[in-house]
Amino acid sequence: GAGGGGGGADVAVGRVWLDPSARHAIATLHDGLNRYVDTVYFHATHRRARPLTAIRASKLVTAVTAVGWHAGGCTDAAARDVVVGTSDGSLFELVLEERGGGGGG
């Protein structure tokens, strides 16, 4: 990654979607050749990202390309009714919580 150290391949943030409350974010990660690697969730109070397990579990997903936030469903603790679209046409509805799981629903 940026800053060196370790023997892994470089990974960079591809796209970021921030919710209306600015407390929750979803980001895609890409390798050095700009190939999709993973999708992660950030909360404003966390130091590290968490993988979105619902997205990761799907074998069909190629890359997250769109995120729709339900403004009324976003609080400090959770973002509800989050719709995520992928480049292969899949749609996921997620609940993202500050604590606990990495997204599912």
N, C-alpha and C. Protein backbone atom coordinates (compact mmCIF):
# COMPACT_ATOMS: atom_id res chain seq x y z
N GLY A 1 0.82 -1.19 0.00
CA GLY A 1 0.00 0.00 0.00
C GLY A 1 0.85 1.23 0.00
N ALA A 2 0.24 2.36 0.05
CA ALA A 2 0.97 3.61 0.08
C ALA A 2 1.85 3.66 1.31
N GLY A 3 3.05 4.13 1.17
CA GLY A 3 3.95 4.22 2.30
C GLY A 3 4.87 3.03 2.43
N GLY A 4 4.66 2.00 1.60
CA GLY A 4 5.55 0.85 1.59
C GLY A 4 5.37 -0.04 2.79
N GLY A 5 6.38 -0.87 3.04
CA GLY A 5 6.30 -1.85 4.11
C GLY A 5 5.49 -3.03 3.66
N GLY A 6 5.76 -4.21 4.16
CA GLY A 6 5.00 -5.39 3.78
C GLY A 6 5.27 -5.78 2.35
N GLY A 7 4.88 -6.99 1.99
CA GLY A 7 5.17 -7.49 0.65
C GLY A 7 3.97 -7.54 -0.24
N GLY A 8 2.80 -7.03 0.18
CA GLY A 8 1.58 -7.12 -0.61
C GLY A 8 1.57 -6.14 -1.77
N ALA A 9 0.64 -6.39 -2.68
CA ALA A 9 0.46 -5.51 -3.82
C ALA A 9 -0.12 -4.18 -3.37
N ASP A 10 0.16 -3.14 -4.12
CA ASP A 10 -0.39 -1.82 -3.81
C ASP A 10 -1.90 -1.84 -4.02
N VAL A 11 -2.62 -1.21 -3.10
CA VAL A 11 -4.07 -1.08 -3.20
C VAL A 11 -4.40 0.39 -3.00
N ALA A 12 -5.30 0.90 -3.84
CA ALA A 12 -5.69 2.30 -3.77
C ALA A 12 -7.20 2.41 -3.74
N VAL A 13 -7.70 3.51 -3.23
CA VAL A 13 -9.14 3.78 -3.22
C VAL A 13 -9.55 4.16 -4.63
N GLY A 14 -10.59 3.48 -5.13
CA GLY A 14 -11.09 3.77 -6.47
C GLY A 14 -12.19 4.82 -6.44
N ARG A 15 -13.28 4.53 -5.72
CA ARG A 15 -14.41 5.45 -5.60
C ARG A 15 -14.86 5.49 -4.15
N VAL A 16 -15.46 6.62 -3.77
CA VAL A 16 -15.99 6.78 -2.41
C VAL A 16 -17.38 7.39 -2.50
N TRP A 17 -18.30 6.83 -1.71
CA TRP A 17 -19.66 7.37 -1.60
C TRP A 17 -19.89 7.71 -0.14
N LEU A 18 -20.21 8.97 0.14
CA LEU A 18 -20.42 9.48 1.49
C LEU A 18 -21.91 9.71 1.70
N ASP A 19 -22.42 9.27 2.86
CA ASP A 19 -23.86 9.44 3.11
C ASP A 19 -24.17 10.90 3.45
N PRO A 20 -25.47 11.29 3.42
CA PRO A 20 -25.85 12.69 3.68
C PRO A 20 -25.45 13.20 5.06
N SER A 21 -25.30 12.32 6.05
CA SER A 21 -24.91 12.77 7.39
C SER A 21 -23.40 12.90 7.54
N ALA A 22 -22.66 12.48 6.54
CA ALA A 22 -21.19 12.51 6.54
C ALA A 22 -20.59 11.65 7.66
N ARG A 23 -21.33 10.62 8.08
CA ARG A 23 -20.84 9.70 9.13
C ARG A 23 -20.45 8.35 8.54
N HIS A 24 -20.99 8.01 7.39
CA HIS A 24 -20.79 6.69 6.79
C HIS A 24 -20.24 6.85 5.38
N ALA A 25 -19.36 5.94 4.98
CA ALA A 25 -18.83 5.96 3.62
C ALA A 25 -18.60 4.53 3.14
N ILE A 26 -18.79 4.34 1.86
CA ILE A 26 -18.46 3.09 1.18
C ILE A 26 -17.39 3.43 0.16
N ALA A 27 -16.36 2.59 0.08
CA ALA A 27 -15.27 2.83 -0.87
C ALA A 27 -14.92 1.54 -1.59
N THR A 28 -14.55 1.66 -2.85
CA THR A 28 -14.01 0.52 -3.58
C THR A 28 -12.49 0.60 -3.57
N LEU A 29 -11.87 -0.54 -3.53
CA LEU A 29 -10.41 -0.64 -3.55
C LEU A 29 -9.97 -1.29 -4.85
N HIS A 30 -8.89 -0.78 -5.41
CA HIS A 30 -8.37 -1.27 -6.68
C HIS A 30 -6.88 -1.55 -6.54
N ASP A 31 -6.39 -2.49 -7.38
CA ASP A 31 -4.96 -2.79 -7.34
C ASP A 31 -4.19 -1.80 -8.23
N GLY A 32 -2.90 -2.01 -8.36
CA GLY A 32 -2.04 -1.11 -9.14
C GLY A 32 -2.39 -1.02 -10.61
N LEU A 33 -3.14 -2.01 -11.12
CA LEU A 33 -3.58 -2.00 -12.52
C LEU A 33 -5.02 -1.52 -12.65
N ASN A 34 -5.55 -0.90 -11.59
CA ASN A 34 -6.91 -0.37 -11.53
C ASN A 34 -7.97 -1.46 -11.65
N ARG A 35 -7.66 -2.66 -11.19
CA ARG A 35 -8.64 -3.74 -11.15
C ARG A 35 -9.30 -3.75 -9.78
N TYR A 36 -10.62 -3.99 -9.78
CA TYR A 36 -11.39 -4.02 -8.55
C TYR A 36 -10.86 -5.11 -7.62
N VAL A 37 -10.71 -4.76 -6.32
CA VAL A 37 -10.21 -5.70 -5.32
C VAL A 37 -11.28 -5.99 -4.26
N ASP A 38 -11.90 -4.94 -3.69
CA ASP A 38 -12.82 -5.14 -2.58
C ASP A 38 -13.66 -3.88 -2.38
N THR A 39 -14.72 -4.01 -1.56
CA THR A 39 -15.54 -2.88 -1.15
C THR A 39 -15.54 -2.84 0.36
N VAL A 40 -15.34 -1.64 0.92
CA VAL A 40 -15.22 -1.50 2.37
C VAL A 40 -16.14 -0.40 2.88
N TYR A 41 -16.41 -0.46 4.20
CA TYR A 41 -17.26 0.51 4.89
C TYR A 41 -16.44 1.25 5.92
N PHE A 42 -16.60 2.56 5.94
CA PHE A 42 -15.97 3.41 6.95
C PHE A 42 -17.04 4.09 7.77
N HIS A 43 -16.79 4.23 9.07
CA HIS A 43 -17.62 5.08 9.92
C HIS A 43 -16.73 6.20 10.43
N ALA A 44 -17.30 7.37 10.64
CA ALA A 44 -16.52 8.55 11.03
C ALA A 44 -15.72 8.34 12.30
N THR A 45 -16.16 7.45 13.19
CA THR A 45 -15.45 7.26 14.45
C THR A 45 -14.45 6.10 14.41
N HIS A 46 -14.38 5.39 13.29
CA HIS A 46 -13.47 4.24 13.18
C HIS A 46 -12.14 4.63 12.56
N ARG A 47 -11.11 3.96 12.99
CA ARG A 47 -9.79 4.18 12.41
C ARG A 47 -9.52 3.30 11.21
N ARG A 48 -10.26 2.20 11.09
CA ARG A 48 -10.05 1.24 10.00
C ARG A 48 -11.35 0.93 9.29
N ALA A 49 -11.21 0.58 8.03
CA ALA A 49 -12.37 0.17 7.24
C ALA A 49 -12.72 -1.28 7.54
N ARG A 50 -13.99 -1.62 7.31
CA ARG A 50 -14.45 -3.00 7.42
C ARG A 50 -14.96 -3.46 6.06
N PRO A 51 -14.67 -4.70 5.69
CA PRO A 51 -15.22 -5.20 4.42
C PRO A 51 -16.74 -5.30 4.49
N LEU A 52 -17.39 -5.07 3.37
CA LEU A 52 -18.84 -5.27 3.30
C LEU A 52 -19.07 -6.74 3.02
N THR A 53 -19.41 -7.49 4.04
CA THR A 53 -19.51 -8.94 3.92
C THR A 53 -20.58 -9.38 2.94
N ALA A 54 -21.68 -8.64 2.84
CA ALA A 54 -22.75 -9.01 1.91
C ALA A 54 -22.27 -8.92 0.47
N ILE A 55 -21.44 -7.93 0.17
CA ILE A 55 -20.90 -7.78 -1.18
C ILE A 55 -19.83 -8.84 -1.43
N ARG A 56 -18.96 -9.02 -0.48
CA ARG A 56 -17.86 -9.97 -0.62
C ARG A 56 -18.37 -11.40 -0.81
N ALA A 57 -19.49 -11.74 -0.16
CA ALA A 57 -20.03 -13.10 -0.23
C ALA A 57 -20.60 -13.43 -1.60
N SER A 58 -20.96 -12.43 -2.38
CA SER A 58 -21.53 -12.65 -3.70
C SER A 58 -20.41 -12.96 -4.69
N LYS A 59 -20.51 -14.07 -5.35
CA LYS A 59 -19.50 -14.48 -6.33
C LYS A 59 -19.69 -13.76 -7.66
N LEU A 60 -20.81 -13.06 -7.83
CA LEU A 60 -21.11 -12.42 -9.11
C LEU A 60 -20.59 -10.99 -9.20
N VAL A 61 -20.26 -10.40 -8.09
CA VAL A 61 -19.92 -8.99 -8.07
C VAL A 61 -18.58 -8.73 -8.74
N THR A 62 -18.55 -7.76 -9.64
CA THR A 62 -17.29 -7.35 -10.24
C THR A 62 -16.81 -6.04 -9.63
N ALA A 63 -17.69 -5.07 -9.46
CA ALA A 63 -17.30 -3.82 -8.81
C ALA A 63 -18.55 -3.04 -8.45
N VAL A 64 -18.50 -2.37 -7.31
CA VAL A 64 -19.58 -1.47 -6.94
C VAL A 64 -19.46 -0.22 -7.81
N THR A 65 -20.57 0.18 -8.42
CA THR A 65 -20.55 1.33 -9.32
C THR A 65 -21.50 2.43 -8.88
N ALA A 66 -22.41 2.13 -7.95
CA ALA A 66 -23.37 3.14 -7.50
C ALA A 66 -23.85 2.83 -6.09
N VAL A 67 -24.08 3.90 -5.32
CA VAL A 67 -24.62 3.76 -3.97
C VAL A 67 -25.70 4.81 -3.79
N GLY A 68 -26.86 4.37 -3.30
CA GLY A 68 -27.95 5.29 -3.00
C GLY A 68 -28.24 5.26 -1.52
N TRP A 69 -28.15 6.43 -0.89
CA TRP A 69 -28.39 6.55 0.55
C TRP A 69 -29.81 7.03 0.78
N HIS A 70 -30.52 6.45 1.74
CA HIS A 70 -31.82 6.94 2.16
C HIS A 70 -31.55 7.97 3.25
N ALA A 71 -31.70 9.24 2.92
CA ALA A 71 -31.32 10.31 3.85
C ALA A 71 -32.01 10.17 5.20
N GLY A 72 -33.26 9.77 5.21
CA GLY A 72 -33.99 9.61 6.45
C GLY A 72 -33.52 8.40 7.26
N GLY A 73 -32.76 7.52 6.63
CA GLY A 73 -32.28 6.32 7.32
C GLY A 73 -30.86 6.44 7.84
N CYS A 74 -30.26 7.62 7.70
CA CYS A 74 -28.87 7.81 8.14
C CYS A 74 -28.82 8.54 9.48
N THR A 75 -28.25 7.86 10.48
CA THR A 75 -28.05 8.44 11.79
C THR A 75 -26.58 8.30 12.15
N ASP A 76 -26.20 8.80 13.31
CA ASP A 76 -24.81 8.63 13.74
C ASP A 76 -24.44 7.16 13.86
N ALA A 77 -25.38 6.33 14.29
CA ALA A 77 -25.08 4.92 14.58
C ALA A 77 -25.27 3.99 13.40
N ALA A 78 -26.14 4.35 12.44
CA ALA A 78 -26.44 3.41 11.36
C ALA A 78 -26.91 4.13 10.10
N ALA A 79 -26.75 3.45 8.99
CA ALA A 79 -27.31 3.90 7.71
C ALA A 79 -28.19 2.75 7.23
N ARG A 80 -29.48 3.02 7.12
CA ARG A 80 -30.44 1.98 6.74
C ARG A 80 -30.92 2.21 5.31
N ASP A 81 -31.36 1.12 4.70
CA ASP A 81 -31.91 1.17 3.34
C ASP A 81 -30.90 1.73 2.34
N VAL A 82 -29.66 1.28 2.43
CA VAL A 82 -28.62 1.68 1.49
C VAL A 82 -28.67 0.73 0.30
N VAL A 83 -28.83 1.27 -0.90
CA VAL A 83 -28.88 0.45 -2.10
C VAL A 83 -27.54 0.56 -2.82
N VAL A 84 -26.96 -0.60 -3.12
CA VAL A 84 -25.65 -0.67 -3.78
C VAL A 84 -25.83 -1.40 -5.11
N GLY A 85 -25.36 -0.78 -6.20
CA GLY A 85 -25.41 -1.39 -7.52
C GLY A 85 -24.01 -1.76 -7.98
N THR A 86 -23.92 -2.84 -8.76
CA THR A 86 -22.62 -3.32 -9.24
C THR A 86 -22.57 -3.33 -10.76
N SER A 87 -21.36 -3.46 -11.28
CA SER A 87 -21.17 -3.42 -12.73
C SER A 87 -21.76 -4.64 -13.43
N ASP A 88 -22.09 -5.70 -12.69
CA ASP A 88 -22.72 -6.86 -13.32
C ASP A 88 -24.24 -6.81 -13.22
N GLY A 89 -24.78 -5.69 -12.72
CA GLY A 89 -26.22 -5.52 -12.65
C GLY A 89 -26.86 -5.96 -11.34
N SER A 90 -26.09 -6.43 -10.38
CA SER A 90 -26.64 -6.84 -9.10
C SER A 90 -27.00 -5.63 -8.26
N LEU A 91 -28.02 -5.79 -7.43
CA LEU A 91 -28.41 -4.76 -6.46
C LEU A 91 -28.44 -5.39 -5.08
N PHE A 92 -27.95 -4.65 -4.10
CA PHE A 92 -27.96 -5.09 -2.71
C PHE A 92 -28.60 -3.99 -1.88
N GLU A 93 -29.41 -4.37 -0.91
CA GLU A 93 -29.91 -3.42 0.08
C GLU A 93 -29.22 -3.74 1.39
N LEU A 94 -28.55 -2.76 1.97
CA LEU A 94 -27.73 -2.97 3.14
C LEU A 94 -28.18 -2.11 4.32
N VAL A 95 -27.85 -2.58 5.50
CA VAL A 95 -27.91 -1.79 6.73
C VAL A 95 -26.48 -1.73 7.23
N LEU A 96 -25.94 -0.54 7.38
CA LEU A 96 -24.58 -0.35 7.83
C LEU A 96 -24.61 0.19 9.25
N GLU A 97 -23.98 -0.50 10.17
CA GLU A 97 -24.00 -0.07 11.56
C GLU A 97 -22.60 0.23 12.06
N GLU A 98 -22.52 1.26 12.91
CA GLU A 98 -21.24 1.66 13.49
C GLU A 98 -20.59 0.47 14.16
N ARG A 99 -21.36 -0.29 14.91
CA ARG A 99 -20.87 -1.50 15.57
C ARG A 99 -21.43 -2.70 14.87
N GLY A 100 -20.75 -3.83 15.03
CA GLY A 100 -21.30 -5.08 14.53
C GLY A 100 -20.90 -5.39 13.12
N GLY A 101 -21.81 -6.04 12.39
CA GLY A 101 -21.51 -6.62 11.10
C GLY A 101 -21.11 -5.63 10.04
N GLY A 102 -20.54 -6.16 8.96
CA GLY A 102 -20.05 -5.35 7.86
C GLY A 102 -21.04 -5.14 6.76
N GLY A 103 -22.30 -5.19 7.09
CA GLY A 103 -23.31 -4.92 6.07
C GLY A 103 -23.98 -6.18 5.61
N GLY A 104 -25.24 -6.15 5.52
CA GLY A 104 -26.00 -7.30 5.06
C GLY A 104 -27.46 -6.93 4.99
N GLY A 105 -28.25 -7.86 4.54
CA GLY A 105 -29.66 -7.54 4.53
C GLY A 105 -30.26 -8.06 3.32
